[in-house]
Each structure stands twice: as C-alpha cells, then as structure tokens.
Amino acid sequence: MKERLKVIPIDLLGEYCRQVNENLPSLFDGLKDAEISTDTFSFYTSVATVFSSKIEGEDIELDSYIKHKKFGIEFLPDYTRKIDDLYNAYSFAENNPLNKKNIAKAHQLLSKHIVAKNYQGKIRTHNMYVSTSDGKIAYVAASPFEVEGEMKKLYADIDILIGAKMNLQQVFFFAALIHLVFVKIHPFNDGNGRTGRLLEKWFLAQKLGDKAWFIQSEKNYYLQHQIYYNNLSRLGLEYQDLDYTKSMPFLLMLPGALNI
C-alpha cells in the first residue's frame, strides 16, 4: 500500500498500532445511538455539528441546538443556521459514499452561510494561511499552484483506502490522517476544519458502518481544543516543509474520543 499512496504517509502505522488502547475494539463495539434520537433527529449528529462549530468559534450550546432541532424551538437565525448547514452536510455524508464529488457537495452544504456561493465546493485559487487570535501566521497552506494537484492525490488515496482491507486500528489511523492531510492542504476558502473533521468521521463510517457516526470525536477535539491546535501545528509552518513523523499526538486523539 505504501507504494500506491500518493500523499498520505504511513510511516507511523506500526508504532501507532502499538500505542493505541488495546480495548479499542470493545470500546467501539459498545457504541450505540442515544435514546433521544428519532427517525428525523440524530443526537450524535447534533453533538458533532455543535462541537465542530464551537471549535471554529461559533457561539452555540448543545442544549439549545437540541431544542431547536428536535423540538422546533425557534432561535434567531444567526444562532443556528451555520450549525444547521453543517448538520445537513453530515446527514448527506451519512447517506452517500465518500468520494471527490460528494466531498465537494458536503462543503457546498456546510459553507452555505460561510463563503460566497461561487466558492462553495470549489477549490481555492489564491494563497491561504491560518492566523492566530493575535494576528500572527500559524500556518501557510499549499500554494494555489499545487492545491488542486495535492487534492487529486488525496482523492486517489481515499479511493484506495476505502477499497483496502484493514483492521480497526488501521481504520482509525487512516481516518485521522485523512483529516490531517486535508486540513494541511486547506483546499477551500473557508470551512476546511469543519470539512476535515467530517471527512474523518465519514471514512470511519465507510469502513466500519453507521456505528462510527456515534463517535464523539468533534466533542473530544473541542474539549481539548488548544491541544488539538498544538498537535496540528507540530508538523511545521509551511506546507512544503511538513514533517508527518511528528503527527502521532494528533493521530492518537481520535481513539481517545471513545473514552467520552
């Protein structure tokens, strides 16, 4: 597989499998939907969308969003619509295969109130960097001259991984790497973090079934959001200089979500 993958590194796979909690299979098998979920409302999709949005600075509380989504209680539109958009993207992912076309569609759905319509689901064509809260540059993403090519490699890798036979530890490893590589390419004008976290869960579900949607990975990242950001930044400042051998702390955060 190493020779076939174009952009996803696998050098840490052996060490990762040695470090992952040996109870991972039993923890995963123990996942089940919440009793509050119905045919038209998913509690864990709400958890995912609320906490993924909170990572991006949205002022939304889970209790309020459940009241809005399950019981139809109205709030000001600005309070819920970006989270509704992300909920729709997760719902779309739950019912469609993970591929290039559907990734673009998911971004189109979740970015409805984030970027202009002509940027929704479209690869960016200009420079992109991530800044800190005090205005400093935290990361410089792939250049506009290479971003489309890097995404083409990532799409090809995802196709290979979806068709490959692997154990539970390997599925978690590659899900986290898809998340990580995607946000490092940073292919869209905005909504990359939300999309990356969705892709991680989407890949898990493609390989492991619908039970994967019950993993509270987004909540885990939010509860440790400074560690999450620190682990993302470990790899380096610029895309061309990234060192994926430093990604183990980030990769181990995903299985940690099963302990929530």
Protein backbone atom coordinates (compact mmCIF):
# COMPACT_ATOMS: atom_id res chain seq x y z
CA MET A 1 0.00 0.00 0.00
CA LYS A 2 2.86 2.38 0.77
CA GLU A 3 3.93 2.42 -2.87
CA ARG A 4 0.41 3.21 -4.06
CA LEU A 5 -0.50 6.07 -1.72
CA LYS A 6 0.48 9.46 -3.10
CA VAL A 7 0.07 11.96 -0.27
CA ILE A 8 -0.98 10.07 2.89
CA PRO A 9 2.12 8.91 4.83
CA ILE A 10 2.08 5.53 6.58
CA ASP A 11 5.49 5.52 8.32
CA LEU A 12 3.90 5.74 11.80
CA LEU A 13 1.36 2.94 11.29
CA GLY A 14 3.26 0.23 13.17
CA GLU A 15 4.05 2.44 16.16
CA TYR A 16 0.50 3.80 16.15
CA CYS A 17 -0.98 0.31 16.39
CA ARG A 18 1.35 -0.44 19.32
CA GLN A 19 0.28 2.71 21.16
CA VAL A 20 -3.48 2.56 20.61
CA ASN A 21 -5.55 1.36 23.54
CA GLU A 22 -5.89 -2.42 23.32
CA ASN A 23 -9.53 -2.01 24.34
CA LEU A 24 -10.30 -0.11 21.13
CA PRO A 25 -12.43 -2.96 19.62
CA SER A 26 -14.56 -3.37 22.75
CA LEU A 27 -14.96 0.39 23.13
CA PHE A 28 -16.10 0.67 19.53
CA ASP A 29 -18.44 -2.32 19.82
CA GLY A 30 -20.05 -0.65 22.83
CA LEU A 31 -21.15 2.42 20.87
CA LYS A 32 -24.90 2.86 20.47
CA ASP A 33 -27.27 5.62 19.48
CA ALA A 34 -28.84 7.88 22.10
CA GLU A 35 -32.42 7.18 23.16
CA ILE A 36 -33.36 10.75 22.29
CA SER A 37 -32.64 10.12 18.58
CA THR A 38 -35.57 9.59 16.22
CA ASP A 39 -36.06 8.91 12.52
CA THR A 40 -35.87 12.65 11.87
CA PHE A 41 -33.37 13.73 14.55
CA SER A 42 -29.90 12.41 15.39
CA PHE A 43 -28.47 13.28 18.78
CA TYR A 44 -24.90 12.41 17.81
CA THR A 45 -25.08 14.36 14.56
CA SER A 46 -26.13 17.32 16.69
CA VAL A 47 -23.18 16.73 19.03
CA ALA A 48 -20.81 16.55 16.05
CA THR A 49 -22.08 19.70 14.38
CA VAL A 50 -22.31 21.80 17.53
CA PHE A 51 -18.81 20.98 18.78
CA SER A 52 -17.20 21.15 15.34
CA SER A 53 -18.75 24.61 15.01
CA LYS A 54 -17.63 25.63 18.51
CA ILE A 55 -14.04 24.78 17.55
CA GLU A 56 -14.41 27.44 14.86
CA GLY A 57 -15.67 29.98 17.40
CA GLU A 58 -19.43 29.68 16.90
CA ASP A 59 -21.47 30.71 19.95
CA ILE A 60 -23.83 27.75 20.19
CA GLU A 61 -24.77 25.42 23.05
CA LEU A 62 -25.76 21.77 22.58
CA ASP A 63 -28.87 22.03 24.77
CA SER A 64 -30.20 24.98 22.79
CA TYR A 65 -29.47 23.31 19.48
CA ILE A 66 -31.27 20.10 20.50
CA LYS A 67 -34.31 22.18 21.48
CA HIS A 68 -34.15 23.82 18.06
CA LYS A 69 -33.53 20.68 16.02
CA LYS A 70 -35.68 18.12 17.82
CA PHE A 71 -38.49 20.22 19.21
CA GLY A 72 -38.65 23.05 16.66
CA ILE A 73 -37.99 25.81 19.18
CA GLU A 74 -37.03 28.95 17.26
CA PHE A 75 -33.91 30.99 17.89
CA LEU A 76 -32.50 33.92 15.98
CA PRO A 77 -31.38 32.65 12.54
CA ASP A 78 -27.77 33.74 13.06
CA TYR A 79 -27.60 31.48 16.13
CA THR A 80 -28.43 28.24 14.35
CA ARG A 81 -28.08 28.47 10.57
CA LYS A 82 -24.36 27.64 10.22
CA ILE A 83 -24.89 24.66 12.51
CA ASP A 84 -27.97 23.65 10.51
CA ASP A 85 -25.83 23.79 7.36
CA LEU A 86 -23.22 21.53 8.94
CA TYR A 87 -25.93 19.17 10.19
CA ASN A 88 -27.18 18.91 6.59
CA ALA A 89 -23.66 18.10 5.41
CA TYR A 90 -23.33 15.31 7.98
CA SER A 91 -26.75 13.96 7.01
CA PHE A 92 -25.66 13.99 3.38
CA ALA A 93 -22.46 12.11 4.26
CA GLU A 94 -24.41 9.52 6.22
CA ASN A 95 -26.31 8.61 3.07
CA ASN A 96 -23.67 8.92 0.35
CA PRO A 97 -20.26 7.37 -0.44
CA LEU A 98 -17.07 9.24 0.31
CA ASN A 99 -15.59 10.45 -2.98
CA LYS A 100 -14.44 13.62 -4.75
CA LYS A 101 -17.88 14.64 -5.99
CA ASN A 102 -19.56 14.15 -2.64
CA ILE A 103 -16.81 15.93 -0.70
CA ALA A 104 -17.47 18.99 -2.87
CA LYS A 105 -21.21 18.65 -2.24
CA ALA A 106 -20.68 18.35 1.52
CA HIS A 107 -18.58 21.52 1.53
CA GLN A 108 -21.21 23.27 -0.54
CA LEU A 109 -23.80 22.38 2.09
CA LEU A 110 -21.77 23.30 5.18
CA SER A 111 -20.40 26.56 3.74
CA LYS A 112 -23.77 27.95 2.63
CA HIS A 113 -23.52 30.80 5.15
CA ILE A 114 -19.72 30.92 5.37
CA VAL A 115 -18.47 31.75 1.87
CA ALA A 116 -19.97 33.24 -1.29
CA LYS A 117 -21.91 30.82 -3.49
CA ASN A 118 -19.21 30.73 -6.19
CA TYR A 119 -16.70 29.47 -3.57
CA GLN A 120 -18.91 26.71 -2.15
CA GLY A 121 -17.47 23.30 -3.01
CA LYS A 122 -14.78 24.91 -5.16
CA ILE A 123 -11.01 24.52 -4.77
CA ARG A 124 -9.39 27.86 -3.91
CA THR A 125 -7.20 29.69 -6.42
CA HIS A 126 -5.29 32.04 -4.13
CA ASN A 127 -2.82 31.86 -1.24
CA MET A 128 -4.12 30.67 2.11
CA TYR A 129 -2.75 30.90 5.62
CA VAL A 130 -4.09 30.27 9.11
CA SER A 131 -3.59 33.02 11.67
CA THR A 132 -3.63 33.04 15.46
CA SER A 133 -6.03 35.10 17.55
CA ASP A 134 -3.39 37.82 17.88
CA GLY A 135 -2.86 38.07 14.11
CA LYS A 136 0.32 36.02 13.73
CA ILE A 137 0.68 33.46 10.93
CA ALA A 138 0.29 29.97 12.37
CA TYR A 139 0.43 28.02 9.12
CA VAL A 140 0.89 28.59 5.38
CA ALA A 141 -1.19 26.12 3.33
CA ALA A 142 -0.44 24.55 -0.05
CA SER A 143 0.07 27.19 -2.74
CA PRO A 144 -2.71 27.81 -5.29
CA PHE A 145 -0.42 26.29 -7.92
CA GLU A 146 -0.26 22.95 -6.12
CA VAL A 147 -3.51 22.68 -4.18
CA GLU A 148 -5.53 21.08 -6.99
CA GLY A 149 -2.81 18.51 -7.65
CA GLU A 150 -2.47 17.69 -3.95
CA MET A 151 -6.22 17.21 -3.65
CA LYS A 152 -6.19 14.93 -6.69
CA LYS A 153 -3.63 12.78 -4.85
CA LEU A 154 -5.73 12.80 -1.69
CA TYR A 155 -8.88 11.76 -3.57
CA ALA A 156 -6.93 8.90 -5.16
CA ASP A 157 -5.58 7.82 -1.77
CA ILE A 158 -9.05 7.85 -0.24
CA ASP A 159 -10.34 5.64 -3.06
CA ILE A 160 -7.51 3.17 -2.44
CA LEU A 161 -8.07 3.14 1.33
CA ILE A 162 -11.82 2.63 1.04
CA GLY A 163 -11.18 -0.45 -1.07
CA ALA A 164 -8.38 -1.82 1.12
CA LYS A 165 -8.83 -4.49 3.79
CA MET A 166 -7.68 -3.28 7.20
CA ASN A 167 -8.20 -3.85 10.91
CA LEU A 168 -9.82 -1.44 13.36
CA GLN A 169 -6.58 0.24 14.42
CA GLN A 170 -5.61 0.83 10.79
CA VAL A 171 -9.02 2.36 10.02
CA PHE A 172 -8.61 4.85 12.88
CA PHE A 173 -5.07 5.63 11.77
CA PHE A 174 -6.05 6.45 8.20
CA ALA A 175 -9.20 8.34 9.22
CA ALA A 176 -7.11 10.71 11.36
CA LEU A 177 -4.54 11.09 8.58
CA ILE A 178 -7.22 11.97 6.03
CA HIS A 179 -8.37 14.68 8.44
CA LEU A 180 -4.80 15.89 8.97
CA VAL A 181 -3.66 15.88 5.34
CA PHE A 182 -6.85 17.60 4.24
CA VAL A 183 -6.55 20.50 6.68
CA LYS A 184 -2.87 20.88 5.83
CA ILE A 185 -3.70 21.22 2.12
CA HIS A 186 -6.52 23.60 3.17
CA PRO A 187 -8.22 23.40 -0.24
CA PHE A 188 -11.24 25.63 0.31
CA ASN A 189 -11.58 29.34 1.02
CA ASP A 190 -13.16 28.56 4.40
CA GLY A 191 -14.81 25.65 6.18
CA ASN A 192 -11.69 23.46 5.98
CA GLY A 193 -11.71 22.49 9.66
CA ARG A 194 -15.37 21.53 9.60
CA THR A 195 -14.84 19.55 6.40
CA GLY A 196 -11.73 17.79 7.69
CA ARG A 197 -13.49 16.60 10.83
CA LEU A 198 -16.43 15.42 8.74
CA LEU A 199 -14.13 13.50 6.37
CA GLU A 200 -12.55 11.71 9.32
CA LYS A 201 -15.94 10.50 10.57
CA TRP A 202 -17.15 9.78 7.04
CA PHE A 203 -14.18 7.49 6.37
CA LEU A 204 -14.75 5.65 9.65
CA ALA A 205 -18.38 5.07 8.69
CA GLN A 206 -17.45 3.88 5.21
CA LYS A 207 -15.13 1.26 6.71
CA LEU A 208 -16.92 0.36 9.95
CA GLY A 209 -20.61 1.07 9.36
CA ASP A 210 -23.11 3.51 10.81
CA LYS A 211 -21.98 2.94 14.39
CA ALA A 212 -18.99 5.19 13.61
CA TRP A 213 -21.29 8.22 13.49
CA PHE A 214 -21.76 7.82 17.28
CA ILE A 215 -18.08 8.56 17.99
CA GLN A 216 -17.81 11.94 19.72
CA SER A 217 -14.57 12.97 18.01
CA GLU A 218 -15.62 16.56 17.41
CA LYS A 219 -16.52 16.97 21.09
CA ASN A 220 -13.19 15.45 22.09
CA TYR A 221 -11.32 17.91 19.88
CA TYR A 222 -13.30 20.82 21.32
CA LEU A 223 -12.74 19.79 24.94
CA GLN A 224 -9.01 19.72 24.16
CA HIS A 225 -9.05 22.42 21.50
CA GLN A 226 -5.74 24.01 22.49
CA ILE A 227 -4.05 20.59 22.41
CA TYR A 228 -5.81 19.95 19.10
CA TYR A 229 -4.36 23.12 17.61
CA ASN A 230 -0.94 22.47 19.13
CA ASN A 231 -0.87 18.99 17.64
CA LEU A 232 -1.84 20.37 14.23
CA SER A 233 0.98 22.90 14.40
CA ARG A 234 3.68 20.36 15.36
CA LEU A 235 4.27 19.44 11.73
CA GLY A 236 5.68 22.78 10.63
CA LEU A 237 4.85 26.28 9.45
CA GLU A 238 4.63 25.75 5.67
CA TYR A 239 3.04 23.01 3.59
CA GLN A 240 6.16 22.05 1.66
CA ASP A 241 8.12 21.59 4.90
CA LEU A 242 5.62 19.47 6.85
CA ASP A 243 7.08 16.64 8.92
CA TYR A 244 4.45 13.95 9.35
CA THR A 245 6.73 11.95 11.67
CA LYS A 246 5.60 14.47 14.32
CA SER A 247 1.89 13.69 13.87
CA MET A 248 1.50 10.88 16.43
CA PRO A 249 -0.02 13.11 19.19
CA PHE A 250 -2.66 14.27 16.72
CA LEU A 251 -3.39 10.76 15.41
CA LEU A 252 -3.91 9.41 18.93
CA MET A 253 -6.63 11.96 19.70
CA LEU A 254 -9.23 10.14 17.58
CA PRO A 255 -9.26 6.82 19.50
CA GLY A 256 -9.29 8.90 22.67
CA ALA A 257 -12.80 10.03 21.70
CA LEU A 258 -14.11 6.55 22.52
CA ASN A 259 -13.49 7.24 26.21
CA ILE A 260 -16.00 10.12 26.31
